[in-house]
N, C-alpha and C. Protein backbone atom coordinates (compact mmCIF):
# COMPACT_ATOMS: atom_id res chain seq x y z
N MET A 1 30.51 147.84 -98.55
CA MET A 1 31.68 148.63 -98.80
C MET A 1 31.30 150.10 -98.97
N PHE A 2 30.22 150.36 -99.64
CA PHE A 2 29.85 151.74 -99.91
C PHE A 2 29.32 152.45 -98.68
N ALA A 3 28.92 151.71 -97.67
CA ALA A 3 28.44 152.33 -96.43
C ALA A 3 29.56 153.04 -95.69
N SER A 4 30.81 152.68 -95.97
CA SER A 4 31.94 153.31 -95.29
C SER A 4 32.21 154.71 -95.81
N PHE A 5 31.58 155.12 -96.90
CA PHE A 5 31.78 156.47 -97.42
C PHE A 5 30.87 157.50 -96.75
N ALA A 6 30.00 157.08 -95.87
CA ALA A 6 29.09 158.01 -95.18
C ALA A 6 29.88 158.83 -94.16
N SER A 7 29.39 160.04 -93.87
CA SER A 7 30.09 160.89 -92.90
C SER A 7 30.08 160.28 -91.52
N GLU A 8 28.96 159.66 -91.13
CA GLU A 8 28.91 158.91 -89.88
C GLU A 8 28.70 157.45 -90.23
N LEU A 9 29.62 156.61 -89.80
CA LEU A 9 29.55 155.20 -90.15
C LEU A 9 28.31 154.56 -89.55
N PRO A 10 27.61 153.72 -90.31
CA PRO A 10 26.37 153.13 -89.79
C PRO A 10 26.61 152.14 -88.65
N TRP A 11 27.81 151.65 -88.48
CA TRP A 11 28.11 150.70 -87.40
C TRP A 11 28.76 151.36 -86.20
N ALA A 12 28.90 152.68 -86.20
CA ALA A 12 29.55 153.37 -85.08
C ALA A 12 28.62 153.50 -83.88
N LYS A 13 27.33 153.63 -84.11
CA LYS A 13 26.37 153.82 -83.02
C LYS A 13 25.31 152.72 -83.07
N CYS A 14 24.78 152.39 -81.91
CA CYS A 14 23.75 151.36 -81.81
C CYS A 14 22.40 151.91 -82.26
N GLU A 15 21.64 151.09 -82.94
CA GLU A 15 20.26 151.43 -83.27
C GLU A 15 19.36 150.79 -82.23
N GLY A 16 18.16 151.31 -82.10
CA GLY A 16 17.24 150.81 -81.08
C GLY A 16 16.87 149.35 -81.24
N SER A 17 16.83 148.87 -82.46
CA SER A 17 16.41 147.48 -82.69
C SER A 17 17.53 146.47 -82.43
N TRP A 18 18.73 146.92 -82.10
CA TRP A 18 19.86 146.02 -81.91
C TRP A 18 19.95 145.45 -80.51
N GLY A 19 19.06 145.85 -79.63
CA GLY A 19 19.02 145.25 -78.29
C GLY A 19 19.75 146.06 -77.24
N GLU A 20 19.55 145.65 -75.99
CA GLU A 20 20.11 146.40 -74.86
C GLU A 20 21.57 146.08 -74.59
N HIS A 21 22.09 145.01 -75.16
CA HIS A 21 23.49 144.63 -74.93
C HIS A 21 24.43 145.30 -75.92
N CYS A 22 23.90 146.11 -76.82
CA CYS A 22 24.71 146.78 -77.82
C CYS A 22 25.49 147.93 -77.18
N VAL A 23 26.78 148.02 -77.52
CA VAL A 23 27.64 149.09 -77.04
C VAL A 23 28.23 149.78 -78.26
N ASP A 24 28.19 151.11 -78.27
CA ASP A 24 28.75 151.86 -79.40
C ASP A 24 30.21 151.51 -79.61
N SER A 25 30.60 151.32 -80.86
CA SER A 25 32.00 151.01 -81.16
C SER A 25 32.91 152.16 -80.78
N SER A 26 32.43 153.39 -80.94
CA SER A 26 33.25 154.54 -80.57
C SER A 26 33.49 154.57 -79.07
N ALA A 27 32.53 154.12 -78.27
CA ALA A 27 32.71 154.08 -76.82
C ALA A 27 33.71 153.00 -76.43
N ILE A 28 33.72 151.90 -77.15
CA ILE A 28 34.68 150.83 -76.86
C ILE A 28 36.09 151.31 -77.14
N ILE A 29 36.28 152.03 -78.24
CA ILE A 29 37.61 152.54 -78.58
C ILE A 29 38.04 153.60 -77.58
N ALA A 30 37.12 154.45 -77.16
CA ALA A 30 37.47 155.52 -76.22
C ALA A 30 37.86 154.97 -74.86
N HIS A 31 37.28 153.85 -74.44
CA HIS A 31 37.56 153.29 -73.12
C HIS A 31 38.37 152.00 -73.21
N ALA A 32 39.20 151.89 -74.25
CA ALA A 32 39.98 150.66 -74.42
C ALA A 32 41.00 150.47 -73.31
N GLY A 33 41.43 151.55 -72.67
CA GLY A 33 42.42 151.44 -71.61
C GLY A 33 41.84 151.08 -70.27
N ASP A 34 40.52 151.09 -70.12
CA ASP A 34 39.88 150.75 -68.85
C ASP A 34 39.82 149.23 -68.71
N ARG A 35 40.86 148.64 -68.19
CA ARG A 35 40.92 147.18 -68.09
C ARG A 35 40.25 146.68 -66.82
N ASN A 36 39.93 147.56 -65.88
CA ASN A 36 39.30 147.13 -64.64
C ASN A 36 37.80 146.95 -64.79
N LYS A 37 37.23 147.51 -65.84
CA LYS A 37 35.78 147.43 -66.04
C LYS A 37 35.44 146.13 -66.77
N THR A 38 34.41 145.47 -66.30
CA THR A 38 33.94 144.28 -66.99
C THR A 38 32.54 144.55 -67.54
N VAL A 39 32.37 144.19 -68.76
CA VAL A 39 31.07 144.38 -69.42
C VAL A 39 30.58 143.00 -69.80
N GLU A 40 29.57 142.53 -69.08
CA GLU A 40 29.04 141.20 -69.36
C GLU A 40 28.03 141.27 -70.50
N GLN A 41 28.17 140.36 -71.41
CA GLN A 41 27.26 140.19 -72.54
C GLN A 41 27.19 141.43 -73.42
N ALA A 42 28.22 142.26 -73.41
CA ALA A 42 28.23 143.44 -74.28
C ALA A 42 28.67 143.03 -75.68
N VAL A 43 28.01 143.58 -76.68
CA VAL A 43 28.34 143.30 -78.07
C VAL A 43 28.52 144.65 -78.76
N SER A 44 29.62 144.79 -79.50
CA SER A 44 29.88 146.07 -80.16
C SER A 44 28.90 146.28 -81.31
N SER A 45 28.64 147.55 -81.59
CA SER A 45 27.71 147.88 -82.67
C SER A 45 28.26 147.44 -84.02
N SER A 46 29.58 147.47 -84.18
CA SER A 46 30.15 147.02 -85.46
C SER A 46 29.96 145.52 -85.67
N GLN A 47 30.04 144.74 -84.58
CA GLN A 47 29.81 143.30 -84.70
C GLN A 47 28.36 143.01 -85.05
N ILE A 48 27.44 143.72 -84.40
CA ILE A 48 26.02 143.52 -84.70
C ILE A 48 25.72 143.93 -86.14
N TYR A 49 26.29 145.05 -86.59
CA TYR A 49 26.07 145.51 -87.96
C TYR A 49 26.56 144.46 -88.96
N PHE A 50 27.77 143.93 -88.72
CA PHE A 50 28.32 142.94 -89.65
C PHE A 50 27.48 141.67 -89.69
N LEU A 51 27.11 141.17 -88.52
CA LEU A 51 26.38 139.91 -88.48
C LEU A 51 24.93 140.05 -88.93
N ASP A 52 24.26 141.13 -88.52
CA ASP A 52 22.83 141.26 -88.81
C ASP A 52 22.54 141.94 -90.15
N ILE A 53 23.27 143.01 -90.47
CA ILE A 53 22.98 143.77 -91.68
C ILE A 53 23.72 143.20 -92.89
N VAL A 54 25.03 142.97 -92.74
CA VAL A 54 25.82 142.51 -93.89
C VAL A 54 25.56 141.03 -94.17
N LEU A 55 25.75 140.18 -93.16
CA LEU A 55 25.60 138.74 -93.38
C LEU A 55 24.17 138.25 -93.23
N LYS A 56 23.32 139.05 -92.60
CA LYS A 56 21.93 138.68 -92.33
C LYS A 56 21.87 137.33 -91.60
N GLU A 57 22.73 137.19 -90.59
CA GLU A 57 22.80 135.95 -89.81
C GLU A 57 21.56 135.81 -88.94
N LYS A 58 21.04 134.62 -88.86
CA LYS A 58 19.87 134.34 -88.03
C LYS A 58 20.29 134.17 -86.58
N SER A 59 19.40 134.51 -85.66
CA SER A 59 19.74 134.44 -84.24
C SER A 59 19.68 133.02 -83.70
N GLN A 60 18.81 132.19 -84.23
CA GLN A 60 18.65 130.82 -83.75
C GLN A 60 18.89 129.85 -84.90
N ILE A 61 19.36 128.67 -84.57
CA ILE A 61 19.58 127.64 -85.58
C ILE A 61 18.26 127.14 -86.15
N TYR A 62 17.20 127.29 -85.40
CA TYR A 62 15.88 126.82 -85.84
C TYR A 62 15.35 127.66 -87.01
N ASP A 63 15.89 128.88 -87.19
CA ASP A 63 15.46 129.74 -88.28
C ASP A 63 16.03 129.30 -89.62
N GLY A 64 16.97 128.37 -89.61
CA GLY A 64 17.61 127.94 -90.84
C GLY A 64 18.74 128.88 -91.22
N ILE A 65 19.38 128.57 -92.33
CA ILE A 65 20.50 129.41 -92.75
C ILE A 65 20.06 130.58 -93.60
N GLY A 66 18.84 130.57 -94.07
CA GLY A 66 18.33 131.67 -94.87
C GLY A 66 18.76 131.55 -96.32
N SER A 67 18.29 132.48 -97.12
CA SER A 67 18.63 132.48 -98.54
C SER A 67 19.88 133.34 -98.75
N PRO A 68 20.61 133.10 -99.84
CA PRO A 68 21.81 133.90 -100.11
C PRO A 68 21.45 135.36 -100.37
N ASP A 69 22.31 136.23 -99.94
CA ASP A 69 22.12 137.66 -100.17
C ASP A 69 22.59 137.98 -101.59
N TRP A 70 21.76 138.63 -102.37
CA TRP A 70 22.07 138.86 -103.77
C TRP A 70 23.25 139.81 -103.94
N LYS A 71 23.41 140.78 -103.02
CA LYS A 71 24.55 141.71 -103.14
C LYS A 71 25.87 140.98 -102.92
N LEU A 72 25.93 140.17 -101.87
CA LEU A 72 27.16 139.41 -101.61
C LEU A 72 27.42 138.41 -102.73
N SER A 73 26.37 137.85 -103.28
CA SER A 73 26.54 136.90 -104.39
C SER A 73 27.09 137.59 -105.63
N LEU A 74 26.64 138.81 -105.90
CA LEU A 74 27.18 139.55 -107.04
C LEU A 74 28.65 139.91 -106.85
N TRP A 75 29.02 140.30 -105.64
CA TRP A 75 30.44 140.61 -105.37
C TRP A 75 31.29 139.36 -105.52
N LEU A 76 30.79 138.21 -105.07
CA LEU A 76 31.51 136.96 -105.23
C LEU A 76 31.65 136.60 -106.70
N LEU A 77 30.59 136.79 -107.47
CA LEU A 77 30.64 136.53 -108.90
C LEU A 77 31.65 137.45 -109.59
N LEU A 78 31.69 138.71 -109.20
CA LEU A 78 32.66 139.65 -109.77
C LEU A 78 34.09 139.22 -109.45
N ALA A 79 34.34 138.79 -108.22
CA ALA A 79 35.68 138.34 -107.85
C ALA A 79 36.11 137.14 -108.68
N TRP A 80 35.20 136.18 -108.86
CA TRP A 80 35.53 135.01 -109.67
C TRP A 80 35.69 135.38 -111.14
N ALA A 81 34.94 136.35 -111.63
CA ALA A 81 35.09 136.78 -113.02
C ALA A 81 36.46 137.42 -113.24
N VAL A 82 36.91 138.22 -112.30
CA VAL A 82 38.25 138.83 -112.41
C VAL A 82 39.32 137.75 -112.40
N ILE A 83 39.19 136.78 -111.51
CA ILE A 83 40.16 135.67 -111.46
C ILE A 83 40.14 134.89 -112.77
N PHE A 84 38.95 134.64 -113.30
CA PHE A 84 38.84 133.91 -114.57
C PHE A 84 39.51 134.69 -115.70
N LEU A 85 39.26 135.99 -115.77
CA LEU A 85 39.86 136.80 -116.84
C LEU A 85 41.37 136.84 -116.74
N ILE A 86 41.89 136.87 -115.53
CA ILE A 86 43.35 136.87 -115.36
C ILE A 86 43.93 135.53 -115.80
N LEU A 87 43.30 134.45 -115.41
CA LEU A 87 43.84 133.13 -115.72
C LEU A 87 43.63 132.72 -117.17
N VAL A 88 42.58 133.19 -117.81
CA VAL A 88 42.31 132.81 -119.19
C VAL A 88 43.33 133.45 -120.14
N ARG A 89 43.90 134.55 -119.72
CA ARG A 89 44.89 135.23 -120.57
C ARG A 89 46.27 134.59 -120.45
N GLY A 90 46.45 133.72 -119.50
CA GLY A 90 47.72 133.00 -119.40
C GLY A 90 48.61 133.53 -118.30
N VAL A 91 49.81 132.94 -118.26
CA VAL A 91 50.76 133.25 -117.20
C VAL A 91 51.28 134.68 -117.32
N ARG A 92 51.45 135.16 -118.53
CA ARG A 92 51.99 136.51 -118.69
C ARG A 92 51.07 137.57 -118.10
N SER A 93 49.78 137.43 -118.34
CA SER A 93 48.86 138.42 -117.79
C SER A 93 48.73 138.27 -116.28
N SER A 94 48.87 137.05 -115.77
CA SER A 94 48.81 136.90 -114.31
C SER A 94 50.03 137.52 -113.67
N GLY A 95 51.16 137.52 -114.36
CA GLY A 95 52.34 138.22 -113.85
C GLY A 95 52.11 139.72 -113.82
N LYS A 96 51.47 140.24 -114.86
CA LYS A 96 51.13 141.67 -114.87
C LYS A 96 50.13 142.00 -113.77
N ALA A 97 49.17 141.11 -113.57
CA ALA A 97 48.21 141.33 -112.49
C ALA A 97 48.90 141.28 -111.14
N ALA A 98 49.89 140.42 -111.00
CA ALA A 98 50.63 140.35 -109.74
C ALA A 98 51.37 141.65 -109.48
N TYR A 99 51.95 142.25 -110.53
CA TYR A 99 52.60 143.56 -110.35
C TYR A 99 51.59 144.59 -109.86
N PHE A 100 50.43 144.62 -110.49
CA PHE A 100 49.41 145.59 -110.08
C PHE A 100 48.95 145.33 -108.66
N LEU A 101 48.65 144.07 -108.34
CA LEU A 101 48.13 143.75 -107.01
C LEU A 101 49.18 143.92 -105.92
N ALA A 102 50.45 143.88 -106.27
CA ALA A 102 51.50 144.10 -105.28
C ALA A 102 51.74 145.59 -105.05
N ILE A 103 51.58 146.40 -106.07
CA ILE A 103 51.88 147.84 -105.96
C ILE A 103 50.67 148.64 -105.54
N PHE A 104 49.48 148.25 -105.93
CA PHE A 104 48.27 149.02 -105.67
C PHE A 104 48.03 149.33 -104.20
N PRO A 105 48.20 148.38 -103.26
CA PRO A 105 47.99 148.73 -101.85
C PRO A 105 48.91 149.84 -101.36
N TYR A 106 50.14 149.86 -101.85
CA TYR A 106 51.07 150.92 -101.45
C TYR A 106 50.64 152.27 -102.01
N VAL A 107 50.09 152.28 -103.21
CA VAL A 107 49.58 153.53 -103.78
C VAL A 107 48.42 154.05 -102.95
N VAL A 108 47.53 153.16 -102.56
CA VAL A 108 46.39 153.56 -101.72
C VAL A 108 46.87 154.09 -100.38
N LEU A 109 47.84 153.40 -99.76
CA LEU A 109 48.39 153.87 -98.48
C LEU A 109 49.05 155.23 -98.63
N LEU A 110 49.74 155.47 -99.75
CA LEU A 110 50.37 156.77 -99.99
C LEU A 110 49.31 157.86 -100.13
N ILE A 111 48.23 157.57 -100.82
CA ILE A 111 47.14 158.54 -100.96
C ILE A 111 46.52 158.85 -99.61
N ILE A 112 46.31 157.82 -98.79
CA ILE A 112 45.75 158.04 -97.45
C ILE A 112 46.71 158.85 -96.59
N LEU A 113 48.02 158.58 -96.70
CA LEU A 113 49.01 159.35 -95.94
C LEU A 113 49.01 160.81 -96.35
N ILE A 114 48.96 161.08 -97.65
CA ILE A 114 48.93 162.46 -98.12
C ILE A 114 47.67 163.16 -97.63
N ARG A 115 46.55 162.46 -97.68
CA ARG A 115 45.30 163.05 -97.18
C ARG A 115 45.38 163.33 -95.69
N ALA A 116 45.96 162.41 -94.93
CA ALA A 116 46.07 162.60 -93.48
C ALA A 116 46.99 163.76 -93.15
N LEU A 117 48.05 163.94 -93.92
CA LEU A 117 48.99 165.02 -93.65
C LEU A 117 48.43 166.39 -94.03
N THR A 118 47.40 166.41 -94.86
CA THR A 118 46.80 167.69 -95.24
C THR A 118 45.70 168.14 -94.28
N LEU A 119 45.35 167.29 -93.31
CA LEU A 119 44.33 167.67 -92.33
C LEU A 119 44.88 168.68 -91.34
N GLU A 120 43.97 169.41 -90.71
CA GLU A 120 44.36 170.42 -89.74
C GLU A 120 45.00 169.76 -88.52
N GLY A 121 46.16 170.26 -88.11
CA GLY A 121 46.86 169.75 -86.94
C GLY A 121 47.68 168.50 -87.20
N ALA A 122 47.82 168.11 -88.45
CA ALA A 122 48.56 166.88 -88.76
C ALA A 122 50.04 167.03 -88.45
N ILE A 123 50.60 168.19 -88.75
CA ILE A 123 52.03 168.41 -88.50
C ILE A 123 52.31 168.35 -87.01
N ASP A 124 51.41 168.92 -86.20
CA ASP A 124 51.58 168.85 -84.74
C ASP A 124 51.57 167.40 -84.26
N GLY A 125 50.71 166.59 -84.83
CA GLY A 125 50.65 165.18 -84.46
C GLY A 125 51.91 164.43 -84.84
N VAL A 126 52.46 164.72 -86.01
CA VAL A 126 53.69 164.06 -86.44
C VAL A 126 54.85 164.48 -85.54
N ILE A 127 54.92 165.76 -85.20
CA ILE A 127 55.99 166.24 -84.31
C ILE A 127 55.84 165.61 -82.93
N PHE A 128 54.62 165.50 -82.42
CA PHE A 128 54.40 164.86 -81.13
C PHE A 128 54.81 163.40 -81.16
N PHE A 129 54.58 162.74 -82.27
CA PHE A 129 54.93 161.33 -82.41
C PHE A 129 56.44 161.12 -82.49
N VAL A 130 57.14 162.02 -83.17
CA VAL A 130 58.57 161.85 -83.41
C VAL A 130 59.41 162.40 -82.26
N LYS A 131 58.97 163.49 -81.64
CA LYS A 131 59.76 164.15 -80.59
C LYS A 131 59.72 163.30 -79.31
N PRO A 132 60.89 162.90 -78.79
CA PRO A 132 60.90 162.08 -77.57
C PRO A 132 60.52 162.89 -76.34
N GLN A 133 59.87 162.24 -75.40
CA GLN A 133 59.52 162.86 -74.12
C GLN A 133 60.38 162.19 -73.06
N TRP A 134 61.54 162.77 -72.80
CA TRP A 134 62.53 162.15 -71.92
C TRP A 134 62.03 162.05 -70.49
N GLY A 135 61.18 162.96 -70.05
CA GLY A 135 60.67 162.91 -68.69
C GLY A 135 59.80 161.70 -68.41
N GLU A 136 59.20 161.13 -69.45
CA GLU A 136 58.35 159.96 -69.27
C GLU A 136 59.14 158.70 -68.93
N LEU A 137 60.45 158.70 -69.20
CA LEU A 137 61.25 157.53 -68.85
C LEU A 137 61.38 157.36 -67.35
N LEU A 138 61.23 158.46 -66.61
CA LEU A 138 61.30 158.39 -65.15
C LEU A 138 59.97 157.99 -64.53
N ASN A 139 58.92 157.97 -65.30
CA ASN A 139 57.59 157.60 -64.82
C ASN A 139 57.47 156.07 -64.82
N PRO A 140 57.26 155.45 -63.64
CA PRO A 140 57.18 153.98 -63.61
C PRO A 140 55.97 153.43 -64.36
N LYS A 141 54.91 154.20 -64.50
CA LYS A 141 53.72 153.71 -65.22
C LYS A 141 53.99 153.59 -66.72
N ALA A 142 54.94 154.37 -67.23
CA ALA A 142 55.26 154.30 -68.65
C ALA A 142 55.93 152.98 -69.01
N LEU A 143 56.61 152.38 -68.04
CA LEU A 143 57.33 151.14 -68.30
C LEU A 143 56.56 149.90 -67.85
N ALA A 144 55.39 150.09 -67.26
CA ALA A 144 54.62 148.96 -66.74
C ALA A 144 53.98 148.18 -67.89
N ILE A 145 53.96 146.88 -67.74
CA ILE A 145 53.31 146.00 -68.71
C ILE A 145 52.04 145.48 -68.05
N TYR A 146 50.90 145.69 -68.74
CA TYR A 146 49.62 145.26 -68.16
C TYR A 146 49.32 143.85 -68.52
């Protein structure tokens, strides 16, 4: 989770040890509209990062399942501790927790929206999104379904 606070995400670009089939996640997003191109055996850098770095998944079944990762185990323990504390206090506290858990995502989304609107060129983007482009209705490619 804390790796996402870096200025450049560690899963955005391929590292040399990830193999020749690795494709940068940013390149996949940039060329998402190229449906005519086929990439055989390509694996995104974000998928490799999640499987190899976060989960520490083994490449072969012969390697075994490996030992549990202590960081993931601590996060799991924390999640269960929070659930235990909510339930041990009874139904009333779980109702209060439900209020918090229902409202908190909207607060986070509002904070992200305010941050996005304060970036340079944000107003231009909102105007471009809201202002209709009537000339595009005459373009047959705009109405095509792929």
